[in-house]
Amino acid sequence: MRRKVQLQTESEVNTVTDLWVQHLIQRIIVEQLEIPHRLQAKLLHQTLEKGKK
């Protein structure tokens, strides 16, 4: 006897992980730019502030 079973998972929203991954990607992109380190830091700080809002 065979039974057909359908499994489903509920999507999970993890805002902390999403924010961390976004920051990591932004940091990689900013590091690829050929700009002074102070400007890189300023850009990353601004993106973090926008992410908190």
PDB file of N, CA and C in Angstrom:
ATOM      1  N   MET A   1       0.854  -1.177   0.000  1.00  0.00           N
ATOM      2  CA  MET A   1       0.000   0.000   0.000  1.00  0.00           C
ATOM      3  C   MET A   1       0.902   1.243   0.000  1.00  0.00           C
ATOM      4  N   ARG A   2       0.657   2.119  -0.922  1.00  0.00           N
ATOM      5  CA  ARG A   2       1.431   3.360  -1.005  1.00  0.00           C
ATOM      6  C   ARG A   2       0.559   4.547  -0.657  1.00  0.00           C
ATOM      7  N   ARG A   3       1.174   5.461   0.070  1.00  0.00           N
ATOM      8  CA  ARG A   3       0.487   6.712   0.390  1.00  0.00           C
ATOM      9  C   ARG A   3       1.290   7.858  -0.180  1.00  0.00           C
ATOM     10  N   LYS A   4       0.587   8.799  -0.683  1.00  0.00           N
ATOM     11  CA  LYS A   4       1.239   9.994  -1.209  1.00  0.00           C
ATOM     12  C   LYS A   4       1.208  11.062  -0.118  1.00  0.00           C
ATOM     13  N   VAL A   5       2.393  11.546   0.235  1.00  0.00           N
ATOM     14  CA  VAL A   5       2.510  12.535   1.300  1.00  0.00           C
ATOM     15  C   VAL A   5       3.127  13.791   0.708  1.00  0.00           C
ATOM     16  N   GLN A   6       2.538  14.912   1.025  1.00  0.00           N
ATOM     17  CA  GLN A   6       3.066  16.189   0.549  1.00  0.00           C
ATOM     18  C   GLN A   6       3.599  16.978   1.740  1.00  0.00           C
ATOM     19  N   LEU A   7       4.886  17.304   1.678  1.00  0.00           N
ATOM     20  CA  LEU A   7       5.513  18.057   2.750  1.00  0.00           C
ATOM     21  C   LEU A   7       5.681  19.511   2.332  1.00  0.00           C
ATOM     22  N   GLN A   8       5.433  20.398   3.251  1.00  0.00           N
ATOM     23  CA  GLN A   8       5.623  21.821   2.992  1.00  0.00           C
ATOM     24  C   GLN A   8       6.357  22.433   4.177  1.00  0.00           C
ATOM     25  N   THR A   9       7.184  23.385   3.870  1.00  0.00           N
ATOM     26  CA  THR A   9       7.852  24.113   4.944  1.00  0.00           C
ATOM     27  C   THR A   9       7.390  25.557   4.917  1.00  0.00           C
ATOM     28  N   GLU A  10       7.395  26.144   6.046  1.00  0.00           N
ATOM     29  CA  GLU A  10       7.004  27.547   6.144  1.00  0.00           C
ATOM     30  C   GLU A  10       8.257  28.400   6.033  1.00  0.00           C
ATOM     31  N   SER A  11       8.162  29.416   5.198  1.00  0.00           N
ATOM     32  CA  SER A  11       9.333  30.270   5.041  1.00  0.00           C
ATOM     33  C   SER A  11       9.599  31.023   6.339  1.00  0.00           C
ATOM     34  N   GLU A  12      10.874  31.185   6.611  1.00  0.00           N
ATOM     35  CA  GLU A  12      11.272  31.852   7.853  1.00  0.00           C
ATOM     36  C   GLU A  12      11.921  33.185   7.509  1.00  0.00           C
ATOM     37  N   VAL A  13      11.502  34.204   8.196  1.00  0.00           N
ATOM     38  CA  VAL A  13      12.067  35.525   7.977  1.00  0.00           C
ATOM     39  C   VAL A  13      13.020  35.812   9.125  1.00  0.00           C
ATOM     40  N   ASN A  14      14.275  35.999   8.776  1.00  0.00           N
ATOM     41  CA  ASN A  14      15.279  36.296   9.786  1.00  0.00           C
ATOM     42  C   ASN A  14      15.901  37.640   9.431  1.00  0.00           C
ATOM     43  N   THR A  15      15.415  38.688  10.036  1.00  0.00           N
ATOM     44  CA  THR A  15      15.852  40.038   9.675  1.00  0.00           C
ATOM     45  C   THR A  15      17.314  40.284  10.030  1.00  0.00           C
ATOM     46  N   VAL A  16      17.800  39.674  11.094  1.00  0.00           N
ATOM     47  CA  VAL A  16      19.195  39.872  11.489  1.00  0.00           C
ATOM     48  C   VAL A  16      20.124  39.292  10.427  1.00  0.00           C
ATOM     49  N   THR A  17      19.822  38.106   9.966  1.00  0.00           N
ATOM     50  CA  THR A  17      20.640  37.474   8.930  1.00  0.00           C
ATOM     51  C   THR A  17      20.561  38.269   7.635  1.00  0.00           C
ATOM     52  N   ASP A  18      19.374  38.707   7.267  1.00  0.00           N
ATOM     53  CA  ASP A  18      19.216  39.504   6.048  1.00  0.00           C
ATOM     54  C   ASP A  18      20.049  40.781   6.115  1.00  0.00           C
ATOM     55  N   LEU A  19      20.016  41.450   7.250  1.00  0.00           N
ATOM     56  CA  LEU A  19      20.771  42.691   7.420  1.00  0.00           C
ATOM     57  C   LEU A  19      22.273  42.416   7.353  1.00  0.00           C
ATOM     58  N   TRP A  20      22.708  41.327   7.968  1.00  0.00           N
ATOM     59  CA  TRP A  20      24.130  40.975   7.969  1.00  0.00           C
ATOM     60  C   TRP A  20      24.615  40.666   6.555  1.00  0.00           C
ATOM     61  N   VAL A  21      23.834  39.926   5.794  1.00  0.00           N
ATOM     62  CA  VAL A  21      24.209  39.589   4.421  1.00  0.00           C
ATOM     63  C   VAL A  21      24.243  40.846   3.560  1.00  0.00           C
ATOM     64  N   GLN A  22      23.280  41.734   3.715  1.00  0.00           N
ATOM     65  CA  GLN A  22      23.276  42.992   2.961  1.00  0.00           C
ATOM     66  C   GLN A  22      24.520  43.808   3.279  1.00  0.00           C
ATOM     67  N   HIS A  23      24.872  43.891   4.552  1.00  0.00           N
ATOM     68  CA  HIS A  23      26.060  44.644   4.953  1.00  0.00           C
ATOM     69  C   HIS A  23      27.316  44.010   4.365  1.00  0.00           C
ATOM     70  N   LEU A  24      27.397  42.694   4.377  1.00  0.00           N
ATOM     71  CA  LEU A  24      28.554  41.994   3.830  1.00  0.00           C
ATOM     72  C   LEU A  24      28.707  42.278   2.337  1.00  0.00           C
ATOM     73  N   ILE A  25      27.623  42.219   1.604  1.00  0.00           N
ATOM     74  CA  ILE A  25      27.662  42.496   0.165  1.00  0.00           C
ATOM     75  C   ILE A  25      28.053  43.944  -0.092  1.00  0.00           C
ATOM     76  N   GLN A  26      27.477  44.871   0.666  1.00  0.00           N
ATOM     77  CA  GLN A  26      27.820  46.283   0.502  1.00  0.00           C
ATOM     78  C   GLN A  26      29.288  46.524   0.806  1.00  0.00           C
ATOM     79  N   ARG A  27      29.793  45.857   1.825  1.00  0.00           N
ATOM     80  CA  ARG A  27      31.204  46.028   2.185  1.00  0.00           C
ATOM     81  C   ARG A  27      32.116  45.519   1.069  1.00  0.00           C
ATOM     82  N   ILE A  28      31.770  44.386   0.489  1.00  0.00           N
ATOM     83  CA  ILE A  28      32.561  43.845  -0.620  1.00  0.00           C
ATOM     84  C   ILE A  28      32.557  44.812  -1.796  1.00  0.00           C
ATOM     85  N   ILE A  29      31.399  45.377  -2.109  1.00  0.00           N
ATOM     86  CA  ILE A  29      31.301  46.319  -3.230  1.00  0.00           C
ATOM     87  C   ILE A  29      32.117  47.571  -2.949  1.00  0.00           C
ATOM     88  N   VAL A  30      31.988  48.130  -1.750  1.00  0.00           N
ATOM     89  CA  VAL A  30      32.702  49.361  -1.403  1.00  0.00           C
ATOM     90  C   VAL A  30      34.210  49.127  -1.416  1.00  0.00           C
ATOM     91  N   GLU A  31      34.651  47.948  -0.964  1.00  0.00           N
ATOM     92  CA  GLU A  31      36.083  47.659  -0.960  1.00  0.00           C
ATOM     93  C   GLU A  31      36.658  47.570  -2.367  1.00  0.00           C
ATOM     94  N   GLN A  32      35.815  47.248  -3.347  1.00  0.00           N
ATOM     95  CA  GLN A  32      36.276  47.158  -4.730  1.00  0.00           C
ATOM     96  C   GLN A  32      36.467  48.533  -5.360  1.00  0.00           C
ATOM     97  N   LEU A  33      35.848  49.549  -4.785  1.00  0.00           N
ATOM     98  CA  LEU A  33      35.996  50.903  -5.304  1.00  0.00           C
ATOM     99  C   LEU A  33      37.380  51.433  -4.958  1.00  0.00           C
ATOM    100  N   GLU A  34      37.953  52.151  -5.851  1.00  0.00           N
ATOM    101  CA  GLU A  34      39.282  52.715  -5.588  1.00  0.00           C
ATOM    102  C   GLU A  34      39.130  54.120  -5.015  1.00  0.00           C
ATOM    103  N   ILE A  35      38.720  54.153  -3.745  1.00  0.00           N
ATOM    104  CA  ILE A  35      38.532  55.424  -3.050  1.00  0.00           C
ATOM    105  C   ILE A  35      39.248  55.324  -1.701  1.00  0.00           C
ATOM    106  N   PRO A  36      39.566  56.466  -1.100  1.00  0.00           N
ATOM    107  CA  PRO A  36      40.264  56.441   0.199  1.00  0.00           C
ATOM    108  C   PRO A  36      39.475  55.681   1.273  1.00  0.00           C
ATOM    109  N   HIS A  37      40.205  55.146   2.245  1.00  0.00           N
ATOM    110  CA  HIS A  37      39.576  54.353   3.300  1.00  0.00           C
ATOM    111  C   HIS A  37      38.559  55.153   4.109  1.00  0.00           C
ATOM    112  N   ARG A  38      38.836  56.438   4.315  1.00  0.00           N
ATOM    113  CA  ARG A  38      37.874  57.249   5.077  1.00  0.00           C
ATOM    114  C   ARG A  38      36.546  57.361   4.346  1.00  0.00           C
ATOM    115  N   LEU A  39      36.596  57.506   3.023  1.00  0.00           N
ATOM    116  CA  LEU A  39      35.362  57.584   2.239  1.00  0.00           C
ATOM    117  C   LEU A  39      34.645  56.231   2.238  1.00  0.00           C
ATOM    118  N   GLN A  40      35.402  55.152   2.185  1.00  0.00           N
ATOM    119  CA  GLN A  40      34.793  53.816   2.269  1.00  0.00           C
ATOM    120  C   GLN A  40      34.055  53.656   3.596  1.00  0.00           C
ATOM    121  N   ALA A  41      34.711  54.076   4.677  1.00  0.00           N
ATOM    122  CA  ALA A  41      34.092  53.971   6.003  1.00  0.00           C
ATOM    123  C   ALA A  41      32.828  54.822   6.083  1.00  0.00           C
ATOM    124  N   LYS A  42      32.868  56.000   5.491  1.00  0.00           N
ATOM    125  CA  LYS A  42      31.704  56.885   5.510  1.00  0.00           C
ATOM    126  C   LYS A  42      30.539  56.250   4.748  1.00  0.00           C
ATOM    127  N   LEU A  43      30.822  55.664   3.598  1.00  0.00           N
ATOM    128  CA  LEU A  43      29.768  54.998   2.813  1.00  0.00           C
ATOM    129  C   LEU A  43      29.157  53.837   3.582  1.00  0.00           C
ATOM    130  N   LEU A  44      30.004  53.024   4.210  1.00  0.00           N
ATOM    131  CA  LEU A  44      29.493  51.890   4.971  1.00  0.00           C
ATOM    132  C   LEU A  44      28.668  52.349   6.165  1.00  0.00           C
ATOM    133  N   HIS A  45      29.113  53.418   6.818  1.00  0.00           N
ATOM    134  CA  HIS A  45      28.363  53.948   7.959  1.00  0.00           C
ATOM    135  C   HIS A  45      26.990  54.443   7.517  1.00  0.00           C
ATOM    136  N   GLN A  46      26.937  55.116   6.382  1.00  0.00           N
ATOM    137  CA  GLN A  46      25.665  55.626   5.870  1.00  0.00           C
ATOM    138  C   GLN A  46      24.713  54.483   5.523  1.00  0.00           C
ATOM    139  N   THR A  47      25.237  53.418   4.934  1.00  0.00           N
ATOM    140  CA  THR A  47      24.362  52.291   4.591  1.00  0.00           C
ATOM    141  C   THR A  47      23.863  51.590   5.842  1.00  0.00           C
ATOM    142  N   LEU A  48      24.687  51.527   6.895  1.00  0.00           N
ATOM    143  CA  LEU A  48      24.228  50.936   8.140  1.00  0.00           C
ATOM    144  C   LEU A  48      23.115  51.764   8.767  1.00  0.00           C
ATOM    145  N   GLU A  49      23.256  53.074   8.725  1.00  0.00           N
ATOM    146  CA  GLU A  49      22.219  53.954   9.289  1.00  0.00           C
ATOM    147  C   GLU A  49      20.917  53.805   8.528  1.00  0.00           C
ATOM    148  N   LYS A  50      20.995  53.672   7.203  1.00  0.00           N
ATOM    149  CA  LYS A  50      19.777  53.484   6.411  1.00  0.00           C
ATOM    150  C   LYS A  50      19.126  52.139   6.725  1.00  0.00           C
ATOM    151  N   GLY A  51      19.949  51.124   6.980  1.00  0.00           N
ATOM    152  CA  GLY A  51      19.428  49.798   7.290  1.00  0.00           C
ATOM    153  C   GLY A  51      18.706  49.738   8.613  1.00  0.00           C
ATOM    154  N   LYS A  52      19.065  50.605   9.544  1.00  0.00           N
ATOM    155  CA  LYS A  52      18.428  50.604  10.864  1.00  0.00           C
ATOM    156  C   LYS A  52      17.034  51.219  10.823  1.00  0.00           C
ATOM    157  N   LYS A  53      16.781  52.075   9.853  1.00  0.00           N
ATOM    158  CA  LYS A  53      15.497  52.787   9.796  1.00  0.00           C
ATOM    159  C   LYS A  53      14.387  51.948   9.281  1.00  0.00           C
TER     160      LYS A  53
END
